[in-house]
Amino acid sequence: MVATSQPLCTQVGLDVLKAGGNAIDAAIAANACLGLMEPTGNGIGGDLFAIVWDAEAEELVGLNASGRSPMDLTLDYFKENNIEAIPATG
């Protein structure tokens, strides 16, 4: 199942699942589509809520990646602290 606010983006997510992708693959594809189709409401810096079943661990995992970035979080901050990638945790 895939649900978005834009039918074409929902279809993109479904296509990824039909092609063998997993829920995370479908969510990323649908979100990328939303950034194009609804640029004023979605894109880099947007919020993310996800509930995913980890079959291997037999565990339901929830992610709340919402909220604002600090005002002082600038490109210079990343450069000065040698941060070249988004951290996997934290």
PDB file of N, CA and C in Angstrom:
ATOM      1  N   MET A   1       0.838  -1.156   0.000  1.00  0.00           N
ATOM      2  CA  MET A   1       0.000   0.000   0.000  1.00  0.00           C
ATOM      3  C   MET A   1       0.894   1.234   0.000  1.00  0.00           C
ATOM      4  N   VAL A   2       0.501   2.220  -0.761  1.00  0.00           N
ATOM      5  CA  VAL A   2       1.181   3.511  -0.803  1.00  0.00           C
ATOM      6  C   VAL A   2       0.106   4.587  -0.755  1.00  0.00           C
ATOM      7  N   ALA A   3       0.308   5.618   0.042  1.00  0.00           N
ATOM      8  CA  ALA A   3      -0.643   6.725   0.117  1.00  0.00           C
ATOM      9  C   ALA A   3       0.119   8.041   0.114  1.00  0.00           C
ATOM     10  N   THR A   4      -0.249   8.930  -0.796  1.00  0.00           N
ATOM     11  CA  THR A   4       0.312  10.278  -0.831  1.00  0.00           C
ATOM     12  C   THR A   4      -0.823  11.254  -1.125  1.00  0.00           C
ATOM     13  N   SER A   5      -0.513  12.528  -1.132  1.00  0.00           N
ATOM     14  CA  SER A   5      -1.498  13.554  -1.463  1.00  0.00           C
ATOM     15  C   SER A   5      -1.621  13.765  -2.970  1.00  0.00           C
ATOM     16  N   GLN A   6      -0.816  13.062  -3.757  1.00  0.00           N
ATOM     17  CA  GLN A   6      -0.791  13.255  -5.207  1.00  0.00           C
ATOM     18  C   GLN A   6      -0.881  11.886  -5.893  1.00  0.00           C
ATOM     19  N   PRO A   7      -1.941  11.646  -6.672  1.00  0.00           N
ATOM     20  CA  PRO A   7      -2.130  10.320  -7.279  1.00  0.00           C
ATOM     21  C   PRO A   7      -0.950   9.823  -8.110  1.00  0.00           C
ATOM     22  N   LEU A   8      -0.291  10.697  -8.850  1.00  0.00           N
ATOM     23  CA  LEU A   8       0.853  10.254  -9.653  1.00  0.00           C
ATOM     24  C   LEU A   8       1.998   9.772  -8.767  1.00  0.00           C
ATOM     25  N   CYS A   9       2.185  10.429  -7.634  1.00  0.00           N
ATOM     26  CA  CYS A   9       3.259  10.027  -6.720  1.00  0.00           C
ATOM     27  C   CYS A   9       2.913   8.720  -6.013  1.00  0.00           C
ATOM     28  N   THR A  10       1.636   8.524  -5.738  1.00  0.00           N
ATOM     29  CA  THR A  10       1.204   7.238  -5.199  1.00  0.00           C
ATOM     30  C   THR A  10       1.522   6.135  -6.196  1.00  0.00           C
ATOM     31  N   GLN A  11       1.257   6.399  -7.479  1.00  0.00           N
ATOM     32  CA  GLN A  11       1.542   5.408  -8.513  1.00  0.00           C
ATOM     33  C   GLN A  11       3.038   5.120  -8.606  1.00  0.00           C
ATOM     34  N   VAL A  12       3.867   6.146  -8.456  1.00  0.00           N
ATOM     35  CA  VAL A  12       5.322   5.946  -8.472  1.00  0.00           C
ATOM     36  C   VAL A  12       5.722   4.974  -7.364  1.00  0.00           C
ATOM     37  N   GLY A  13       5.204   5.191  -6.160  1.00  0.00           N
ATOM     38  CA  GLY A  13       5.507   4.288  -5.051  1.00  0.00           C
ATOM     39  C   GLY A  13       5.031   2.869  -5.314  1.00  0.00           C
ATOM     40  N   LEU A  14       3.837   2.735  -5.870  1.00  0.00           N
ATOM     41  CA  LEU A  14       3.316   1.404  -6.201  1.00  0.00           C
ATOM     42  C   LEU A  14       4.173   0.719  -7.257  1.00  0.00           C
ATOM     43  N   ASP A  15       4.620   1.482  -8.250  1.00  0.00           N
ATOM     44  CA  ASP A  15       5.476   0.912  -9.296  1.00  0.00           C
ATOM     45  C   ASP A  15       6.773   0.361  -8.708  1.00  0.00           C
ATOM     46  N   VAL A  16       7.327   1.073  -7.730  1.00  0.00           N
ATOM     47  CA  VAL A  16       8.555   0.608  -7.080  1.00  0.00           C
ATOM     48  C   VAL A  16       8.295  -0.716  -6.358  1.00  0.00           C
ATOM     49  N   LEU A  17       7.175  -0.810  -5.656  1.00  0.00           N
ATOM     50  CA  LEU A  17       6.838  -2.065  -4.969  1.00  0.00           C
ATOM     51  C   LEU A  17       6.644  -3.206  -5.965  1.00  0.00           C
ATOM     52  N   LYS A  18       5.938  -2.925  -7.057  1.00  0.00           N
ATOM     53  CA  LYS A  18       5.695  -3.955  -8.073  1.00  0.00           C
ATOM     54  C   LYS A  18       6.991  -4.420  -8.731  1.00  0.00           C
ATOM     55  N   ALA A  19       7.990  -3.537  -8.772  1.00  0.00           N
ATOM     56  CA  ALA A  19       9.280  -3.880  -9.381  1.00  0.00           C
ATOM     57  C   ALA A  19      10.199  -4.614  -8.408  1.00  0.00           C
ATOM     58  N   GLY A  20       9.714  -4.861  -7.180  1.00  0.00           N
ATOM     59  CA  GLY A  20      10.509  -5.612  -6.217  1.00  0.00           C
ATOM     60  C   GLY A  20      11.124  -4.780  -5.114  1.00  0.00           C
ATOM     61  N   GLY A  21      10.879  -3.481  -5.118  1.00  0.00           N
ATOM     62  CA  GLY A  21      11.409  -2.631  -4.059  1.00  0.00           C
ATOM     63  C   GLY A  21      10.673  -2.853  -2.750  1.00  0.00           C
ATOM     64  N   ASN A  22      11.264  -2.380  -1.668  1.00  0.00           N
ATOM     65  CA  ASN A  22      10.621  -2.517  -0.360  1.00  0.00           C
ATOM     66  C   ASN A  22       9.904  -1.221   0.018  1.00  0.00           C
ATOM     67  N   ALA A  23       9.334  -1.180   1.208  1.00  0.00           N
ATOM     68  CA  ALA A  23       8.566  -0.023   1.654  1.00  0.00           C
ATOM     69  C   ALA A  23       9.416   1.241   1.710  1.00  0.00           C
ATOM     70  N   ILE A  24      10.659   1.112   2.112  1.00  0.00           N
ATOM     71  CA  ILE A  24      11.545   2.277   2.178  1.00  0.00           C
ATOM     72  C   ILE A  24      11.835   2.794   0.771  1.00  0.00           C
ATOM     73  N   ASP A  25      12.113   1.891  -0.160  1.00  0.00           N
ATOM     74  CA  ASP A  25      12.344   2.293  -1.550  1.00  0.00           C
ATOM     75  C   ASP A  25      11.133   3.053  -2.093  1.00  0.00           C
ATOM     76  N   ALA A  26       9.945   2.515  -1.839  1.00  0.00           N
ATOM     77  CA  ALA A  26       8.718   3.137  -2.335  1.00  0.00           C
ATOM     78  C   ALA A  26       8.498   4.507  -1.704  1.00  0.00           C
ATOM     79  N   ALA A  27       8.775   4.623  -0.409  1.00  0.00           N
ATOM     80  CA  ALA A  27       8.595   5.901   0.279  1.00  0.00           C
ATOM     81  C   ALA A  27       9.545   6.958  -0.265  1.00  0.00           C
ATOM     82  N   ILE A  28      10.783   6.586  -0.506  1.00  0.00           N
ATOM     83  CA  ILE A  28      11.758   7.538  -1.048  1.00  0.00           C
ATOM     84  C   ILE A  28      11.342   7.980  -2.445  1.00  0.00           C
ATOM     85  N   ALA A  29      10.911   7.038  -3.275  1.00  0.00           N
ATOM     86  CA  ALA A  29      10.490   7.376  -4.636  1.00  0.00           C
ATOM     87  C   ALA A  29       9.255   8.276  -4.621  1.00  0.00           C
ATOM     88  N   ALA A  30       8.282   7.938  -3.786  1.00  0.00           N
ATOM     89  CA  ALA A  30       7.071   8.752  -3.700  1.00  0.00           C
ATOM     90  C   ALA A  30       7.395  10.148  -3.182  1.00  0.00           C
ATOM     91  N   ASN A  31       8.298  10.243  -2.213  1.00  0.00           N
ATOM     92  CA  ASN A  31       8.680  11.547  -1.680  1.00  0.00           C
ATOM     93  C   ASN A  31       9.418  12.385  -2.721  1.00  0.00           C
ATOM     94  N   ALA A  32      10.283  11.759  -3.497  1.00  0.00           N
ATOM     95  CA  ALA A  32      10.979  12.485  -4.564  1.00  0.00           C
ATOM     96  C   ALA A  32       9.967  13.029  -5.564  1.00  0.00           C
ATOM     97  N   CYS A  33       8.968  12.233  -5.883  1.00  0.00           N
ATOM     98  CA  CYS A  33       7.908  12.668  -6.786  1.00  0.00           C
ATOM     99  C   CYS A  33       7.146  13.854  -6.190  1.00  0.00           C
ATOM    100  N   LEU A  34       6.834  13.788  -4.904  1.00  0.00           N
ATOM    101  CA  LEU A  34       6.110  14.883  -4.255  1.00  0.00           C
ATOM    102  C   LEU A  34       6.907  16.183  -4.282  1.00  0.00           C
ATOM    103  N   GLY A  35       8.226  16.078  -4.178  1.00  0.00           N
ATOM    104  CA  GLY A  35       9.065  17.273  -4.272  1.00  0.00           C
ATOM    105  C   GLY A  35       8.921  17.957  -5.619  1.00  0.00           C
ATOM    106  N   LEU A  36       8.649  17.182  -6.650  1.00  0.00           N
ATOM    107  CA  LEU A  36       8.443  17.720  -7.999  1.00  0.00           C
ATOM    108  C   LEU A  36       7.007  18.197  -8.197  1.00  0.00           C
ATOM    109  N   MET A  37       6.050  17.390  -7.785  1.00  0.00           N
ATOM    110  CA  MET A  37       4.639  17.679  -8.042  1.00  0.00           C
ATOM    111  C   MET A  37       4.044  18.711  -7.084  1.00  0.00           C
ATOM    112  N   GLU A  38       4.553  18.764  -5.865  1.00  0.00           N
ATOM    113  CA  GLU A  38       4.050  19.704  -4.860  1.00  0.00           C
ATOM    114  C   GLU A  38       5.233  20.404  -4.186  1.00  0.00           C
ATOM    115  N   PRO A  39       6.001  21.192  -4.951  1.00  0.00           N
ATOM    116  CA  PRO A  39       7.246  21.757  -4.418  1.00  0.00           C
ATOM    117  C   PRO A  39       7.059  22.721  -3.253  1.00  0.00           C
ATOM    118  N   THR A  40       5.889  23.308  -3.104  1.00  0.00           N
ATOM    119  CA  THR A  40       5.695  24.233  -1.990  1.00  0.00           C
ATOM    120  C   THR A  40       5.349  23.518  -0.689  1.00  0.00           C
ATOM    121  N   GLY A  41       5.086  22.219  -0.767  1.00  0.00           N
ATOM    122  CA  GLY A  41       4.707  21.494   0.438  1.00  0.00           C
ATOM    123  C   GLY A  41       5.588  20.314   0.773  1.00  0.00           C
ATOM    124  N   ASN A  42       6.528  19.992  -0.118  1.00  0.00           N
ATOM    125  CA  ASN A  42       7.357  18.804   0.082  1.00  0.00           C
ATOM    126  C   ASN A  42       8.752  19.049  -0.466  1.00  0.00           C
ATOM    127  N   GLY A  43       9.710  18.297   0.044  1.00  0.00           N
ATOM    128  CA  GLY A  43      11.065  18.381  -0.484  1.00  0.00           C
ATOM    129  C   GLY A  43      12.100  18.296   0.615  1.00  0.00           C
ATOM    130  N   ILE A  44      13.326  18.631   0.267  1.00  0.00           N
ATOM    131  CA  ILE A  44      14.418  18.595   1.231  1.00  0.00           C
ATOM    132  C   ILE A  44      14.075  19.502   2.406  1.00  0.00           C
ATOM    133  N   GLY A  45      14.255  18.993   3.595  1.00  0.00           N
ATOM    134  CA  GLY A  45      13.934  19.763   4.789  1.00  0.00           C
ATOM    135  C   GLY A  45      12.517  19.524   5.284  1.00  0.00           C
ATOM    136  N   GLY A  46      11.761  18.684   4.592  1.00  0.00           N
ATOM    137  CA  GLY A  46      10.404  18.379   5.020  1.00  0.00           C
ATOM    138  C   GLY A  46      10.382  17.367   6.148  1.00  0.00           C
ATOM    139  N   ASP A  47       9.206  17.187   6.711  1.00  0.00           N
ATOM    140  CA  ASP A  47       9.035  16.233   7.807  1.00  0.00           C
ATOM    141  C   ASP A  47       8.849  14.818   7.277  1.00  0.00           C
ATOM    142  N   LEU A  48       9.118  13.855   8.138  1.00  0.00           N
ATOM    143  CA  LEU A  48       8.924  12.452   7.782  1.00  0.00           C
ATOM    144  C   LEU A  48       8.394  11.700   8.988  1.00  0.00           C
ATOM    145  N   PHE A  49       7.332  10.945   8.757  1.00  0.00           N
ATOM    146  CA  PHE A  49       6.816  10.004   9.743  1.00  0.00           C
ATOM    147  C   PHE A  49       6.736   8.659   9.042  1.00  0.00           C
ATOM    148  N   ALA A  50       7.245   7.612   9.659  1.00  0.00           N
ATOM    149  CA  ALA A  50       7.210   6.295   9.025  1.00  0.00           C
ATOM    150  C   ALA A  50       6.993   5.217  10.076  1.00  0.00           C
ATOM    151  N   ILE A  51       6.193   4.231   9.698  1.00  0.00           N
ATOM    152  CA  ILE A  51       6.019   3.019  10.494  1.00  0.00           C
ATOM    153  C   ILE A  51       6.342   1.862   9.564  1.00  0.00           C
ATOM    154  N   VAL A  52       7.378   1.100   9.901  1.00  0.00           N
ATOM    155  CA  VAL A  52       7.873   0.048   9.013  1.00  0.00           C
ATOM    156  C   VAL A  52       8.024  -1.251   9.796  1.00  0.00           C
ATOM    157  N   TRP A  53       7.559  -2.345   9.204  1.00  0.00           N
ATOM    158  CA  TRP A  53       7.732  -3.667   9.802  1.00  0.00           C
ATOM    159  C   TRP A  53       9.068  -4.239   9.362  1.00  0.00           C
ATOM    160  N   ASP A  54       9.936  -4.534  10.317  1.00  0.00           N
ATOM    161  CA  ASP A  54      11.221  -5.177  10.047  1.00  0.00           C
ATOM    162  C   ASP A  54      11.010  -6.680  10.205  1.00  0.00           C
ATOM    163  N   ALA A  55      10.836  -7.373   9.071  1.00  0.00           N
ATOM    164  CA  ALA A  55      10.519  -8.803   9.106  1.00  0.00           C
ATOM    165  C   ALA A  55      11.648  -9.621   9.711  1.00  0.00           C
ATOM    166  N   GLU A  56      12.884  -9.233   9.446  1.00  0.00           N
ATOM    167  CA  GLU A  56      14.021  -9.993   9.969  1.00  0.00           C
ATOM    168  C   GLU A  56      14.076  -9.931  11.492  1.00  0.00           C
ATOM    169  N   ALA A  57      13.863  -8.751  12.043  1.00  0.00           N
ATOM    170  CA  ALA A  57      13.895  -8.574  13.498  1.00  0.00           C
ATOM    171  C   ALA A  57      12.528  -8.827  14.138  1.00  0.00           C
ATOM    172  N   GLU A  58      11.503  -9.022  13.292  1.00  0.00           N
ATOM    173  CA  GLU A  58      10.132  -9.175  13.759  1.00  0.00           C
ATOM    174  C   GLU A  58       9.767  -8.038  14.707  1.00  0.00           C
ATOM    175  N   GLU A  59       9.944  -6.824  14.201  1.00  0.00           N
ATOM    176  CA  GLU A  59       9.758  -5.639  15.030  1.00  0.00           C
ATOM    177  C   GLU A  59       9.115  -4.526  14.204  1.00  0.00           C
ATOM    178  N   LEU A  60       8.179  -3.813  14.821  1.00  0.00           N
ATOM    179  CA  LEU A  60       7.574  -2.644  14.208  1.00  0.00           C
ATOM    180  C   LEU A  60       8.393  -1.428  14.623  1.00  0.00           C
ATOM    181  N   VAL A  61       8.868  -0.684  13.654  1.00  0.00           N
ATOM    182  CA  VAL A  61       9.745   0.454  13.924  1.00  0.00           C
ATOM    183  C   VAL A  61       9.036   1.738  13.517  1.00  0.00           C
ATOM    184  N   GLY A  62       9.056   2.721  14.390  1.00  0.00           N
ATOM    185  CA  GLY A  62       8.474   4.025  14.091  1.00  0.00           C
ATOM    186  C   GLY A  62       9.555   5.084  14.034  1.00  0.00           C
ATOM    187  N   LEU A  63       9.407   6.013  13.108  1.00  0.00           N
ATOM    188  CA  LEU A  63      10.363   7.110  12.966  1.00  0.00           C
ATOM    189  C   LEU A  63       9.605   8.420  12.929  1.00  0.00           C
ATOM    190  N   ASN A  64       9.989   9.346  13.787  1.00  0.00           N
ATOM    191  CA  ASN A  64       9.442  10.694  13.775  1.00  0.00           C
ATOM    192  C   ASN A  64      10.599  11.626  13.456  1.00  0.00           C
ATOM    193  N   ALA A  65      10.692  12.028  12.209  1.00  0.00           N
ATOM    194  CA  ALA A  65      11.754  12.933  11.774  1.00  0.00           C
ATOM    195  C   ALA A  65      11.132  14.282  11.420  1.00  0.00           C
ATOM    196  N   SER A  66      10.374  14.805  12.362  1.00  0.00           N
ATOM    197  CA  SER A  66       9.700  16.075  12.121  1.00  0.00           C
ATOM    198  C   SER A  66      10.369  17.181  12.925  1.00  0.00           C
ATOM    199  N   GLY A  67      10.008  18.366  12.615  1.00  0.00           N
ATOM    200  CA  GLY A  67      10.523  19.512  13.347  1.00  0.00           C
ATOM    201  C   GLY A  67      11.420  20.376  12.492  1.00  0.00           C
ATOM    202  N   ARG A  68      11.761  21.491  13.027  1.00  0.00           N
ATOM    203  CA  ARG A  68      12.552  22.469  12.288  1.00  0.00           C
ATOM    204  C   ARG A  68      14.038  22.288  12.545  1.00  0.00           C
ATOM    205  N   SER A  69      14.820  22.720  11.585  1.00  0.00           N
ATOM    206  CA  SER A  69      16.273  22.743  11.756  1.00  0.00           C
ATOM    207  C   SER A  69      16.651  24.002  12.518  1.00  0.00           C
ATOM    208  N   PRO A  70      17.712  23.950  13.295  1.00  0.00           N
ATOM    209  CA  PRO A  70      18.155  25.148  14.003  1.00  0.00           C
ATOM    210  C   PRO A  70      18.519  26.267  13.028  1.00  0.00           C
ATOM    211  N   MET A  71      18.275  27.498  13.429  1.00  0.00           N
ATOM    212  CA  MET A  71      18.554  28.659  12.585  1.00  0.00           C
ATOM    213  C   MET A  71      20.035  28.751  12.205  1.00  0.00           C
ATOM    214  N   ASP A  72      20.908  28.331  13.113  1.00  0.00           N
ATOM    215  CA  ASP A  72      22.346  28.434  12.862  1.00  0.00           C
ATOM    216  C   ASP A  72      22.911  27.252  12.083  1.00  0.00           C
ATOM    217  N   LEU A  73      22.070  26.352  11.628  1.00  0.00           N
ATOM    218  CA  LEU A  73      22.537  25.200  10.864  1.00  0.00           C
ATOM    219  C   LEU A  73      22.748  25.643   9.414  1.00  0.00           C
ATOM    220  N   THR A  74      23.981  26.004   9.108  1.00  0.00           N
ATOM    221  CA  THR A  74      24.313  26.553   7.795  1.00  0.00           C
ATOM    222  C   THR A  74      25.305  25.646   7.075  1.00  0.00           C
ATOM    223  N   LEU A  75      25.487  25.898   5.806  1.00  0.00           N
ATOM    224  CA  LEU A  75      26.472  25.158   5.030  1.00  0.00           C
ATOM    225  C   LEU A  75      27.868  25.362   5.625  1.00  0.00           C
ATOM    226  N   ASP A  76      28.158  26.572   6.077  1.00  0.00           N
ATOM    227  CA  ASP A  76      29.463  26.838   6.697  1.00  0.00           C
ATOM    228  C   ASP A  76      29.687  25.969   7.934  1.00  0.00           C
ATOM    229  N   TYR A  77      28.631  25.752   8.725  1.00  0.00           N
ATOM    230  CA  TYR A  77      28.750  24.890   9.903  1.00  0.00           C
ATOM    231  C   TYR A  77      29.206  23.497   9.491  1.00  0.00           C
ATOM    232  N   PHE A  78      28.589  22.963   8.447  1.00  0.00           N
ATOM    233  CA  PHE A  78      28.955  21.626   7.984  1.00  0.00           C
ATOM    234  C   PHE A  78      30.396  21.592   7.479  1.00  0.00           C
ATOM    235  N   LYS A  79      30.775  22.599   6.738  1.00  0.00           N
ATOM    236  CA  LYS A  79      32.144  22.648   6.210  1.00  0.00           C
ATOM    237  C   LYS A  79      33.166  22.758   7.338  1.00  0.00           C
ATOM    238  N   GLU A  80      32.907  23.642   8.305  1.00  0.00           N
ATOM    239  CA  GLU A  80      33.836  23.855   9.416  1.00  0.00           C
ATOM    240  C   GLU A  80      33.988  22.612  10.292  1.00  0.00           C
ATOM    241  N   ASN A  81      32.962  21.782  10.348  1.00  0.00           N
ATOM    242  CA  ASN A  81      32.986  20.579  11.180  1.00  0.00           C
ATOM    243  C   ASN A  81      33.224  19.310  10.371  1.00  0.00           C
ATOM    244  N   ASN A  82      33.658  19.495   9.121  1.00  0.00           N
ATOM    245  CA  ASN A  82      33.977  18.369   8.228  1.00  0.00           C
ATOM    246  C   ASN A  82      32.843  17.347   8.127  1.00  0.00           C
ATOM    247  N   ILE A  83      31.621  17.838   8.078  1.00  0.00           N
ATOM    248  CA  ILE A  83      30.458  16.960   7.914  1.00  0.00           C
ATOM    249  C   ILE A  83      30.133  16.910   6.428  1.00  0.00           C
ATOM    250  N   GLU A  84      30.303  15.728   5.847  1.00  0.00           N
ATOM    251  CA  GLU A  84      30.107  15.578   4.408  1.00  0.00           C
ATOM    252  C   GLU A  84      28.902  14.716   4.050  1.00  0.00           C
ATOM    253  N   ALA A  85      28.249  14.120   5.055  1.00  0.00           N
ATOM    254  CA  ALA A  85      27.105  13.253   4.782  1.00  0.00           C
ATOM    255  C   ALA A  85      26.099  13.371   5.918  1.00  0.00           C
ATOM    256  N   ILE A  86      24.865  13.021   5.622  1.00  0.00           N
ATOM    257  CA  ILE A  86      23.829  13.013   6.645  1.00  0.00           C
ATOM    258  C   ILE A  86      24.081  11.817   7.556  1.00  0.00           C
ATOM    259  N   PRO A  87      24.110  12.021   8.880  1.00  0.00           N
ATOM    260  CA  PRO A  87      24.361  10.900   9.786  1.00  0.00           C
ATOM    261  C   PRO A  87      23.258   9.846   9.688  1.00  0.00           C
ATOM    262  N   ALA A  88      23.608   8.603   9.860  1.00  0.00           N
ATOM    263  CA  ALA A  88      22.631   7.513   9.801  1.00  0.00           C
ATOM    264  C   ALA A  88      21.731   7.498  11.030  1.00  0.00           C
ATOM    265  N   THR A  89      22.206   8.028  12.156  1.00  0.00           N
ATOM    266  CA  THR A  89      21.410   8.084  13.381  1.00  0.00           C
ATOM    267  C   THR A  89      21.566   9.451  14.017  1.00  0.00           C
ATOM    268  N   GLY A  90      20.672   9.737  14.970  1.00  0.00           N
ATOM    269  CA  GLY A  90      20.797  10.958  15.744  1.00  0.00           C
ATOM    270  C   GLY A  90      20.211  12.125  15.100  1.00  0.00           C
TER     271      GLY A  90
END
